[in-house]
């Protein structure tokens, strides 16, 4: 793609509303080092230094979409257990609506524990149920699905891990309902019977999966082309995307096949790469991009994610960089909330103190600048939560803002004292604070600590609130009043 195409495509991803249906899992990582062998058996001893819980399975698809800034809807079923509650907490922290996440008392929520020592995965332990959903649970999932398709969903991702959330009959109904509404349904297939996915818009097997499902040896490009062409036709797919590891990807359409070269510079871990591929592909289709552009975006994203350890996500900035399109200063600083949440978590682990403040910042003036400079001195990073145009209209009336949110974001990102800008649409920044979890919450001196929204949340995990006095006589309203007064004087 050209420079313009890549930037436009990346910018379009956040416009997509994507529904993920499938098997939610909890991924547990135990990180440590190994320097000894057990005296009880010839196995290494891992000294665990850090533990981490992540969304896995369909949850990793959700996580990837949220990081790209998409609006994400979820339908799945969990057990009535602590792991199920943990998954719901992780989803809620990303602002995901939980109304489509159902609970089955007879089910065990899937949990996969990976032990990683010195950068290498040593072993994985699985705890899960695999029985198909049925009866009232299946009916509730189908009803929720139909309602969401009629309420703004632009793409569906069927994330099938073979754990029972997508039994044959229900999967068929999901695909048929999406096709009847002309909404692309993408599936990451599992098992050997791909006829289950016939009629889907796209399926995204890797070469090994396609080989096993077809019973063919795919040891040459000609063999892959022959199988892909036949599989797309026989399954009545709009497109088939076969991922080929270090050889890239092959996209099959009725018009023919397109081969994309691999973008990875160094491969550390391929776990979760398929989730990233289908998430980016689905978001791109939902945003209105064509199949070829969507495949190119997915290929760029795959090259990034395999360079990370564990199930991971890819950011819009990383996609730009992978396309040899270095992000501008504004691209680097202006982030969506979930993308920024991941960035700040890494900064916290590195011991950096995060400061947060928020406001409208309509008509930036010297009082704003001095306030922001003072806030920045309270920590290592300053994050600015910027009210969207819609929220300002609700707070200040239809005549505001004078400067739209895109322009305000870029002006603020140009200030050296600001490290990140994130736009929020709510009337208060409380939901944003739940994702970003700053160490210091800053507001103007016209507040008291008791009236600062988010104070209790920040203090609950050991953070604090700081009040900074604005420069006297400097305000946006005052500037507007002086301009209007001068206009009236000039006309008189």
Protein backbone atom coordinates (compact mmCIF):
# COMPACT_ATOMS: atom_id res chain seq x y z
CA UNK A 1 0.00 0.00 0.00
CA UNK A 2 1.10 3.60 -0.44
CA UNK A 3 1.91 5.89 2.47
CA UNK A 4 -1.51 7.52 2.15
CA UNK A 5 -3.23 4.15 1.97
CA UNK A 6 -1.57 2.80 5.13
CA UNK A 7 -2.28 5.87 7.22
CA UNK A 8 -5.86 6.06 6.00
CA UNK A 9 -6.42 2.35 6.62
CA UNK A 10 -5.00 2.51 10.14
CA UNK A 11 -7.12 5.54 10.94
CA UNK A 12 -10.24 3.77 9.70
CA UNK A 13 -9.91 0.81 12.08
CA UNK A 14 -11.31 2.72 15.06
CA UNK A 15 -14.54 3.29 13.13
CA UNK A 16 -15.40 -0.41 13.11
CA UNK A 17 -17.89 -2.13 15.42
CA UNK A 18 -16.98 -5.81 15.62
CA UNK A 19 -18.82 -8.67 17.35
CA UNK A 20 -16.68 -11.53 18.70
CA UNK A 21 -18.42 -14.86 19.34
CA UNK A 22 -16.53 -17.82 20.74
CA UNK A 23 -14.50 -19.40 23.49
CA UNK A 24 -13.26 -16.98 26.14
CA UNK A 25 -10.27 -18.21 28.14
CA UNK A 26 -7.99 -17.02 30.90
CA UNK A 27 -4.30 -17.08 30.05
CA UNK A 28 -2.01 -17.28 33.08
CA UNK A 29 1.70 -16.60 32.71
CA UNK A 30 4.26 -17.49 35.36
CA UNK A 31 7.52 -15.70 34.54
CA UNK A 32 10.80 -16.67 36.14
CA UNK A 33 14.24 -18.14 35.67
CA UNK A 34 15.69 -21.62 35.91
CA UNK A 35 19.14 -22.37 37.22
CA UNK A 36 18.64 -25.72 38.96
CA UNK A 37 17.38 -29.24 38.27
CA UNK A 38 14.95 -30.83 40.68
CA UNK A 39 16.36 -33.57 42.93
CA UNK A 40 12.95 -35.30 42.71
CA UNK A 41 12.97 -35.79 38.93
CA UNK A 42 15.12 -34.72 35.97
CA UNK A 43 13.15 -31.52 35.38
CA UNK A 44 14.18 -27.86 35.71
CA UNK A 45 13.08 -25.81 38.72
CA UNK A 46 11.54 -22.45 37.78
CA UNK A 47 11.82 -19.67 40.34
CA UNK A 48 8.71 -17.59 39.64
CA UNK A 49 9.34 -13.84 39.76
CA UNK A 50 6.11 -12.52 38.25
CA UNK A 51 2.57 -13.69 37.55
CA UNK A 52 0.24 -12.29 34.91
CA UNK A 53 -3.36 -12.94 33.85
CA UNK A 54 -4.48 -12.09 30.31
CA UNK A 55 -7.55 -12.57 28.16
CA UNK A 56 -7.04 -15.66 26.02
CA UNK A 57 -8.84 -17.47 23.21
CA UNK A 58 -11.65 -15.29 21.91
CA UNK A 59 -10.60 -12.85 24.63
CA UNK A 60 -7.31 -12.30 22.84
CA UNK A 61 -9.28 -11.35 19.71
CA UNK A 62 -11.30 -8.92 21.85
CA UNK A 63 -8.10 -7.52 23.33
CA UNK A 64 -6.59 -6.98 19.87
CA UNK A 65 -9.70 -5.20 18.62
CA UNK A 66 -9.93 -2.99 21.70
CA UNK A 67 -6.26 -2.04 21.35
CA UNK A 68 -6.95 -0.94 17.77
CA UNK A 69 -9.70 1.34 19.08
CA UNK A 70 -12.64 -0.65 17.69
CA UNK A 71 -16.04 -0.83 19.36
CA UNK A 72 -16.21 -4.45 20.53
CA UNK A 73 -19.22 -6.63 21.39
CA UNK A 74 -18.87 -10.13 22.88
CA UNK A 75 -20.99 -13.28 23.07
CA UNK A 76 -19.66 -16.27 25.01
CA UNK A 77 -20.31 -18.59 27.93
CA UNK A 78 -18.26 -19.01 31.12
CA UNK A 79 -18.40 -21.22 34.15
CA UNK A 80 -19.73 -20.03 37.49
CA UNK A 81 -16.26 -19.86 39.02
CA UNK A 82 -13.42 -17.55 40.01
CA UNK A 83 -11.73 -17.75 36.60
CA UNK A 84 -14.97 -16.71 34.93
CA UNK A 85 -15.22 -13.71 37.24
CA UNK A 86 -11.61 -12.82 36.48
CA UNK A 87 -12.33 -12.83 32.74
CA UNK A 88 -15.33 -10.56 33.26
CA UNK A 89 -13.18 -8.17 35.30
CA UNK A 90 -10.55 -8.05 32.53
CA UNK A 91 -13.24 -7.38 29.92
CA UNK A 92 -14.89 -4.70 32.03
CA UNK A 93 -11.54 -2.97 32.51
CA UNK A 94 -11.45 -2.49 28.73
CA UNK A 95 -14.94 -1.04 28.68
CA UNK A 96 -16.52 -4.17 27.14
CA UNK A 97 -20.26 -4.69 27.66
CA UNK A 98 -20.75 -7.98 29.56
CA UNK A 99 -24.43 -8.50 28.71
CA UNK A 100 -23.53 -11.11 26.08
CA UNK A 101 -21.26 -13.09 28.43
CA UNK A 102 -23.46 -15.85 29.84
CA UNK A 103 -22.82 -18.15 32.82
CA UNK A 104 -23.34 -21.91 32.82
CA UNK A 105 -23.16 -23.38 36.34
CA UNK A 106 -22.10 -26.80 35.02
CA UNK A 107 -19.14 -25.45 33.13
CA UNK A 108 -15.45 -24.93 34.02
CA UNK A 109 -14.00 -21.71 32.65
CA UNK A 110 -10.98 -22.42 30.43
CA UNK A 111 -7.66 -21.48 32.05
CA UNK A 112 -4.29 -22.09 30.42
CA UNK A 113 -1.20 -21.72 32.59
CA UNK A 114 2.11 -21.15 30.82
CA UNK A 115 5.42 -21.27 32.66
CA UNK A 116 8.05 -19.10 30.97
CA UNK A 117 11.69 -19.15 32.07
CA UNK A 118 14.52 -17.10 30.55
CA UNK A 119 12.24 -16.04 27.71
CA UNK A 120 11.20 -19.60 26.76
CA UNK A 121 7.89 -21.33 27.41
CA UNK A 122 8.64 -24.48 29.46
CA UNK A 123 5.21 -26.09 29.84
CA UNK A 124 1.47 -25.38 29.59
CA UNK A 125 -1.24 -26.67 31.94
CA UNK A 126 -4.92 -26.61 30.82
CA UNK A 127 -8.07 -26.65 32.95
CA UNK A 128 -11.35 -26.45 31.02
CA UNK A 129 -14.70 -27.82 29.86
CA UNK A 130 -15.34 -28.79 26.25
CA UNK A 131 -19.02 -29.73 26.18
CA UNK A 132 -21.21 -27.97 23.61
CA UNK A 133 -23.58 -25.26 24.80
CA UNK A 134 -27.21 -26.23 24.36
CA UNK A 135 -30.74 -25.51 25.49
CA UNK A 136 -31.46 -22.17 27.15
CA UNK A 137 -27.82 -21.01 26.94
CA UNK A 138 -27.65 -21.60 23.17
CA UNK A 139 -31.01 -19.88 22.66
CA UNK A 140 -29.89 -16.86 24.70
CA UNK A 141 -26.68 -16.61 22.67
CA UNK A 142 -28.62 -16.72 19.39
CA UNK A 143 -31.12 -14.07 20.52
CA UNK A 144 -28.31 -11.78 21.64
CA UNK A 145 -26.50 -12.35 18.36
CA UNK A 146 -29.50 -11.41 16.22
CA UNK A 147 -30.13 -8.28 18.28
CA UNK A 148 -26.53 -7.09 17.90
CA UNK A 149 -26.51 -7.70 14.14
CA UNK A 150 -29.49 -5.36 13.91
CA UNK A 151 -27.80 -2.73 16.07
CA UNK A 152 -24.73 -1.46 14.26
CA UNK A 153 -22.35 -4.44 14.10
CA UNK A 154 -20.21 -4.21 10.93
CA UNK A 155 -18.26 -7.47 11.15
CA UNK A 156 -18.46 -10.75 13.08
CA UNK A 157 -15.49 -12.85 14.20
CA UNK A 158 -16.26 -16.47 15.12
CA UNK A 159 -13.35 -17.41 17.38
CA UNK A 160 -13.58 -21.18 17.55
CA UNK A 161 -11.20 -22.93 19.97
CA UNK A 162 -13.25 -26.12 20.11
CA UNK A 163 -14.40 -25.55 23.70
CA UNK A 164 -18.14 -25.72 23.01
CA UNK A 165 -19.26 -22.13 22.45
CA UNK A 166 -19.74 -22.73 18.71
CA UNK A 167 -21.46 -26.14 18.22
CA UNK A 168 -22.38 -27.05 14.65
CA UNK A 169 -26.04 -26.01 14.66
CA UNK A 170 -25.42 -22.71 16.42
CA UNK A 171 -22.43 -21.93 14.20
CA UNK A 172 -24.57 -22.50 11.09
CA UNK A 173 -27.22 -20.11 12.38
CA UNK A 174 -24.59 -17.47 13.18
CA UNK A 175 -23.13 -17.65 9.66
CA UNK A 176 -26.52 -17.64 7.94
CA UNK A 177 -27.82 -14.68 9.96
CA UNK A 178 -24.73 -12.62 9.19
CA UNK A 179 -24.87 -13.41 5.46
CA UNK A 180 -28.58 -12.59 5.29
CA UNK A 181 -27.75 -9.12 6.66
CA UNK A 182 -24.68 -8.70 4.40
CA UNK A 183 -22.38 -8.52 7.43
CA UNK A 184 -19.03 -10.31 6.92
CA UNK A 185 -18.55 -13.26 9.28
CA UNK A 186 -14.94 -14.41 9.68
CA UNK A 187 -13.92 -17.69 11.29
CA UNK A 188 -10.62 -18.99 12.63
CA UNK A 189 -11.34 -22.69 11.97
CA UNK A 190 -10.58 -25.61 14.25
CA UNK A 191 -10.75 -29.36 13.66
CA UNK A 192 -10.79 -31.26 10.40
CA UNK A 193 -14.30 -30.59 9.10
CA UNK A 194 -14.25 -27.17 7.47
CA UNK A 195 -17.72 -27.71 6.01
CA UNK A 196 -18.92 -26.31 9.35
CA UNK A 197 -17.78 -22.89 8.13
CA UNK A 198 -19.29 -23.00 4.64
CA UNK A 199 -20.89 -19.71 3.66
CA UNK A 200 -18.70 -17.60 5.93
CA UNK A 201 -17.18 -14.49 4.42
CA UNK A 202 -13.62 -15.53 5.33
CA UNK A 203 -11.79 -18.32 7.15
CA UNK A 204 -8.16 -17.93 8.22
CA UNK A 205 -6.40 -21.29 8.74
CA UNK A 206 -2.64 -21.54 8.93
CA UNK A 207 -0.81 -23.89 6.57
CA UNK A 208 -0.61 -26.73 9.11
CA UNK A 209 -4.34 -26.50 9.88
CA UNK A 210 -5.26 -26.41 6.19
CA UNK A 211 -3.04 -29.42 5.52
CA UNK A 212 -4.58 -31.45 8.36
CA UNK A 213 -8.15 -30.54 7.39
CA UNK A 214 -7.60 -31.50 3.75
CA UNK A 215 -5.29 -34.46 4.27
CA UNK A 216 -2.85 -32.98 1.76
CA UNK A 217 0.85 -32.23 2.04
CA UNK A 218 1.37 -28.53 1.35
CA UNK A 219 5.06 -28.60 0.56
CA UNK A 220 5.03 -26.22 -2.40
CA UNK A 221 3.40 -23.01 -3.51
CA UNK A 222 1.55 -24.87 -6.28
CA UNK A 223 0.05 -27.25 -3.72
CA UNK A 224 -1.10 -24.34 -1.54
CA UNK A 225 -2.61 -22.51 -4.52
CA UNK A 226 -4.47 -25.62 -5.67
CA UNK A 227 -5.89 -26.34 -2.22
CA UNK A 228 -6.78 -22.72 -1.45
CA UNK A 229 -8.58 -22.25 -4.75
CA UNK A 230 -10.55 -25.45 -4.29
CA UNK A 231 -11.34 -24.82 -0.62
CA UNK A 232 -12.63 -21.28 -1.20
CA UNK A 233 -14.90 -22.51 -4.01
CA UNK A 234 -16.21 -25.62 -2.26
CA UNK A 235 -16.98 -23.77 0.99
CA UNK A 236 -18.66 -20.82 -0.84
CA UNK A 237 -16.36 -18.32 0.87
CA UNK A 238 -15.91 -14.73 -0.22
CA UNK A 239 -12.23 -15.13 0.64
CA UNK A 240 -9.79 -17.61 2.17
CA UNK A 241 -6.63 -16.44 3.93
CA UNK A 242 -3.95 -19.09 4.55
CA UNK A 243 -1.17 -17.90 6.85
CA UNK A 244 2.20 -19.43 6.02
CA UNK A 245 4.58 -18.44 8.86
CA UNK A 246 7.88 -17.19 7.47
CA UNK A 247 6.46 -17.35 3.93
CA UNK A 248 3.74 -14.78 4.64
CA UNK A 249 0.10 -15.23 3.63
CA UNK A 250 -1.98 -16.19 0.61
CA UNK A 251 -5.36 -14.55 -0.02
CA UNK A 252 -7.77 -16.44 -2.27
CA UNK A 253 -10.66 -14.64 -3.99
CA UNK A 254 -12.81 -15.55 -6.95
CA UNK A 255 -10.54 -13.26 -8.99
CA UNK A 256 -7.45 -15.26 -8.09
CA UNK A 257 -4.73 -15.54 -5.43
CA UNK A 258 -2.55 -12.81 -3.90
CA UNK A 259 0.65 -13.73 -2.04
CA UNK A 260 1.94 -11.43 0.71
CA UNK A 261 5.51 -11.69 1.93
CA UNK A 262 6.14 -12.10 5.66
CA UNK A 263 6.91 -8.90 7.55
CA UNK A 264 8.47 -10.38 10.71
CA UNK A 265 12.07 -9.42 11.41
CA UNK A 266 12.54 -11.79 14.35
CA UNK A 267 10.16 -14.47 15.66
CA UNK A 268 9.91 -15.07 19.41
CA UNK A 269 6.44 -16.58 19.89
CA UNK A 270 3.64 -17.39 17.44
CA UNK A 271 0.99 -18.04 20.14
CA UNK A 272 -1.97 -15.78 19.54
CA UNK A 273 -0.75 -14.63 16.11
CA UNK A 274 -3.85 -16.10 14.48
CA UNK A 275 -6.02 -14.03 16.82
CA UNK A 276 -4.22 -10.87 15.76
CA UNK A 277 -4.58 -11.74 12.07
CA UNK A 278 -8.33 -12.32 12.23
CA UNK A 279 -8.88 -9.31 14.51
CA UNK A 280 -7.13 -6.90 12.15
CA UNK A 281 -8.69 -8.52 9.06
CA UNK A 282 -12.17 -8.29 10.61
CA UNK A 283 -11.68 -4.70 11.81
CA UNK A 284 -10.49 -3.67 8.36
CA UNK A 285 -13.51 -5.25 6.65
CA UNK A 286 -15.81 -3.68 9.23
CA UNK A 287 -14.22 -0.29 8.53
CA UNK A 288 -15.05 -0.66 4.85
CA UNK A 289 -11.62 -1.63 3.50
CA UNK A 290 -11.42 -4.19 0.71
CA UNK A 291 -10.16 -7.76 1.10
CA UNK A 292 -6.70 -7.03 -0.30
CA UNK A 293 -6.15 -4.02 1.97
CA UNK A 294 -7.47 -6.00 4.95
CA UNK A 295 -5.02 -8.83 4.21
CA UNK A 296 -2.10 -6.40 3.93
CA UNK A 297 -3.01 -4.86 7.29
CA UNK A 298 -3.27 -8.32 8.88
CA UNK A 299 0.08 -9.29 7.42
CA UNK A 300 1.77 -6.21 8.86
CA UNK A 301 0.18 -6.87 12.26
CA UNK A 302 1.27 -10.53 12.26
CA UNK A 303 4.85 -9.47 11.66
CA UNK A 304 4.73 -7.32 14.77
CA UNK A 305 2.97 -9.73 17.13
CA UNK A 306 5.22 -12.75 16.54
CA UNK A 307 8.11 -10.64 17.80
CA UNK A 308 6.48 -10.55 21.25
CA UNK A 309 6.32 -13.26 23.91
CA UNK A 310 2.91 -14.66 24.81
CA UNK A 311 -0.52 -13.86 23.42
CA UNK A 312 -0.13 -10.19 22.55
CA UNK A 313 -1.75 -7.30 20.75
CA UNK A 314 -0.57 -4.87 18.11
CA UNK A 315 -1.13 -1.11 18.12
CA UNK A 316 -1.94 1.19 15.22
CA UNK A 317 1.44 2.87 15.68
CA UNK A 318 3.21 -0.49 15.43
CA UNK A 319 1.39 -1.25 12.17
CA UNK A 320 2.54 2.09 10.75
CA UNK A 321 6.10 1.40 11.80
CA UNK A 322 5.99 -2.10 10.30
CA UNK A 323 4.92 -0.51 7.02
CA UNK A 324 8.04 1.69 7.21
CA UNK A 325 5.79 4.63 7.92
CA UNK A 326 7.31 6.20 11.06
CA UNK A 327 4.45 7.74 13.05
CA UNK A 328 4.37 11.50 13.44
CA UNK A 329 4.71 13.05 16.88
CA UNK A 330 0.92 13.38 16.98
CA UNK A 331 0.47 9.71 15.96
CA UNK A 332 2.85 8.68 18.74
CA UNK A 333 1.12 10.73 21.41
CA UNK A 334 -2.59 10.51 20.52
CA UNK A 335 -3.83 7.03 21.51
CA UNK A 336 -7.13 5.30 22.20
CA UNK A 337 -7.78 4.25 25.77
CA UNK A 338 -7.08 0.53 25.50
CA UNK A 339 -3.92 1.01 23.49
CA UNK A 340 -2.76 3.58 26.03
CA UNK A 341 -3.70 1.31 28.93
CA UNK A 342 -1.23 -1.31 27.68
CA UNK A 343 1.49 1.29 27.13
CA UNK A 344 1.09 2.66 30.65
CA UNK A 345 1.14 -0.82 32.19
CA UNK A 346 4.61 -1.34 30.72
CA UNK A 347 5.69 2.08 31.99
CA UNK A 348 4.45 1.18 35.47
CA UNK A 349 6.44 -2.05 35.41
CA UNK A 350 9.49 0.04 34.52
CA UNK A 351 8.93 2.12 37.67
CA UNK A 352 7.69 5.31 36.02
CA UNK A 353 5.18 7.57 37.81
CA UNK A 354 2.12 8.40 35.70
CA UNK A 355 0.27 11.72 36.08
CA UNK A 356 -3.22 12.28 34.64
CA UNK A 357 -5.35 15.34 34.15
CA UNK A 358 -8.36 16.07 31.97
CA UNK A 359 -10.38 18.88 30.51
CA UNK A 360 -11.85 20.49 27.39
CA UNK A 361 -8.89 22.76 26.50
CA UNK A 362 -10.95 24.71 23.99
CA UNK A 363 -8.87 27.76 22.92
CA UNK A 364 -5.56 26.85 24.52
CA UNK A 365 -4.08 29.76 26.52
CA UNK A 366 -1.09 30.49 28.76
CA UNK A 367 -2.99 29.44 31.87
CA UNK A 368 -3.50 25.99 30.38
CA UNK A 369 0.16 25.69 29.41
CA UNK A 370 1.48 26.65 32.86
CA UNK A 371 -1.01 24.28 34.51
CA UNK A 372 0.09 21.38 32.28
CA UNK A 373 3.77 22.12 32.85
CA UNK A 374 3.19 22.07 36.62
CA UNK A 375 1.29 18.77 36.34
CA UNK A 376 4.13 17.20 34.34
CA UNK A 377 6.60 18.01 37.11
CA UNK A 378 4.65 15.73 39.48
CA UNK A 379 5.80 12.55 37.72
CA UNK A 380 7.55 10.92 34.79
CA UNK A 381 4.69 10.92 32.27
CA UNK A 382 1.72 13.25 31.78
CA UNK A 383 -1.45 11.85 30.22
CA UNK A 384 -4.14 14.30 29.14
CA UNK A 385 -7.74 13.09 28.96
CA UNK A 386 -9.47 15.34 26.44
CA UNK A 387 -13.25 15.77 26.37
CA UNK A 388 -14.72 14.88 22.98
CA UNK A 389 -16.79 17.38 21.01
CA UNK A 390 -19.98 15.54 21.99
CA UNK A 391 -19.19 15.65 25.71
CA UNK A 392 -18.30 19.36 25.57
CA UNK A 393 -21.63 20.13 23.92
CA UNK A 394 -23.41 18.33 26.75
CA UNK A 395 -21.35 20.15 29.39
CA UNK A 396 -21.09 23.66 27.91
CA UNK A 397 -23.88 23.98 25.36
CA UNK A 398 -24.38 23.68 21.62
CA UNK A 399 -22.09 26.64 20.81
CA UNK A 400 -19.04 24.78 22.11
CA UNK A 401 -16.41 23.65 21.38
CA UNK A 402 -14.95 26.33 19.14
CA UNK A 403 -12.11 23.99 18.11
CA UNK A 404 -12.92 20.38 17.17
CA UNK A 405 -11.38 17.44 19.02
CA UNK A 406 -8.99 16.45 16.25
CA UNK A 407 -7.46 19.93 16.12
CA UNK A 408 -7.39 20.24 19.92
CA UNK A 409 -5.66 16.85 20.17
CA UNK A 410 -2.92 17.83 17.73
CA UNK A 411 -2.30 21.20 19.34
CA UNK A 412 -1.96 19.61 22.78
CA UNK A 413 0.22 16.78 21.46
CA UNK A 414 2.64 19.45 20.23
CA UNK A 415 3.35 20.53 23.83
CA UNK A 416 6.56 19.06 25.22
CA UNK A 417 5.07 18.64 28.68
CA UNK A 418 2.39 16.20 27.44
CA UNK A 419 3.36 12.59 26.76
CA UNK A 420 -0.02 11.18 25.68
CA UNK A 421 -3.45 12.50 24.70
CA UNK A 422 -6.58 10.34 24.86
CA UNK A 423 -10.07 11.52 23.89
CA UNK A 424 -13.03 10.36 26.00
CA UNK A 425 -16.72 10.71 25.23
CA UNK A 426 -18.21 10.37 28.72
CA UNK A 427 -19.16 13.38 30.86
CA UNK A 428 -16.53 12.41 33.44
CA UNK A 429 -13.16 10.63 33.11
CA UNK A 430 -14.05 7.87 35.59
CA UNK A 431 -14.19 5.04 33.04
CA UNK A 432 -10.96 6.27 31.50
CA UNK A 433 -9.26 6.28 34.90
CA UNK A 434 -10.31 2.67 35.46
CA UNK A 435 -8.30 1.69 32.37
CA UNK A 436 -5.28 4.00 32.79
CA UNK A 437 -4.85 3.80 36.60
CA UNK A 438 -2.53 6.82 37.05
CA UNK A 439 -0.39 7.36 40.14
CA UNK A 440 -1.32 11.05 40.40
CA UNK A 441 -4.66 12.62 39.46
CA UNK A 442 -4.40 16.38 38.91
CA UNK A 443 -7.19 18.98 38.84
CA UNK A 444 -7.37 22.75 39.05
CA UNK A 445 -7.32 24.70 42.29
CA UNK A 446 -11.01 25.57 41.90
CA UNK A 447 -11.73 21.98 43.02
CA UNK A 448 -11.52 20.49 46.48
CA UNK A 449 -10.20 16.93 46.89
CA UNK A 450 -13.70 15.71 47.75
CA UNK A 451 -15.16 17.00 44.45
CA UNK A 452 -12.55 15.45 42.14
CA UNK A 453 -14.13 12.68 40.07
CA UNK A 454 -12.05 9.52 40.38
CA UNK A 455 -10.39 10.44 43.69
CA UNK A 456 -11.70 7.37 45.51
CA UNK A 457 -10.63 5.07 42.66
CA UNK A 458 -7.09 6.46 42.47
CA UNK A 459 -6.63 6.44 46.23
CA UNK A 460 -7.96 2.86 46.45
CA UNK A 461 -4.82 1.51 44.76
CA UNK A 462 -2.36 3.88 46.46
CA UNK A 463 -2.46 6.90 44.13
CA UNK A 464 -3.08 10.49 45.16
CA UNK A 465 -4.87 13.67 44.07
CA UNK A 466 -3.03 16.99 43.52
CA UNK A 467 -4.64 20.40 43.00
CA UNK A 468 -2.87 23.06 40.91
CA UNK A 469 -4.01 26.68 40.79
CA UNK A 470 -4.66 28.15 37.34
CA UNK A 471 -3.12 31.49 36.35
CA UNK A 472 -5.44 34.28 37.56
CA UNK A 473 -7.48 36.01 34.89
CA UNK A 474 -6.85 33.41 32.23
CA UNK A 475 -9.83 31.38 31.03
CA UNK A 476 -11.38 30.27 27.75
CA UNK A 477 -14.70 31.87 28.67
CA UNK A 478 -12.93 35.16 29.41
CA UNK A 479 -11.17 35.10 26.03
CA UNK A 480 -14.47 34.38 24.23
CA UNK A 481 -16.18 37.23 26.09
CA UNK A 482 -13.39 39.68 25.16
CA UNK A 483 -13.54 38.66 21.50
CA UNK A 484 -17.32 39.11 21.41
CA UNK A 485 -17.05 42.48 23.16
CA UNK A 486 -14.43 43.65 20.67
CA UNK A 487 -16.62 42.54 17.75
CA UNK A 488 -19.57 44.46 19.13
CA UNK A 489 -17.37 47.55 19.60
CA UNK A 490 -16.03 47.30 16.06
CA UNK A 491 -19.54 47.12 14.63
CA UNK A 492 -20.80 50.12 16.63
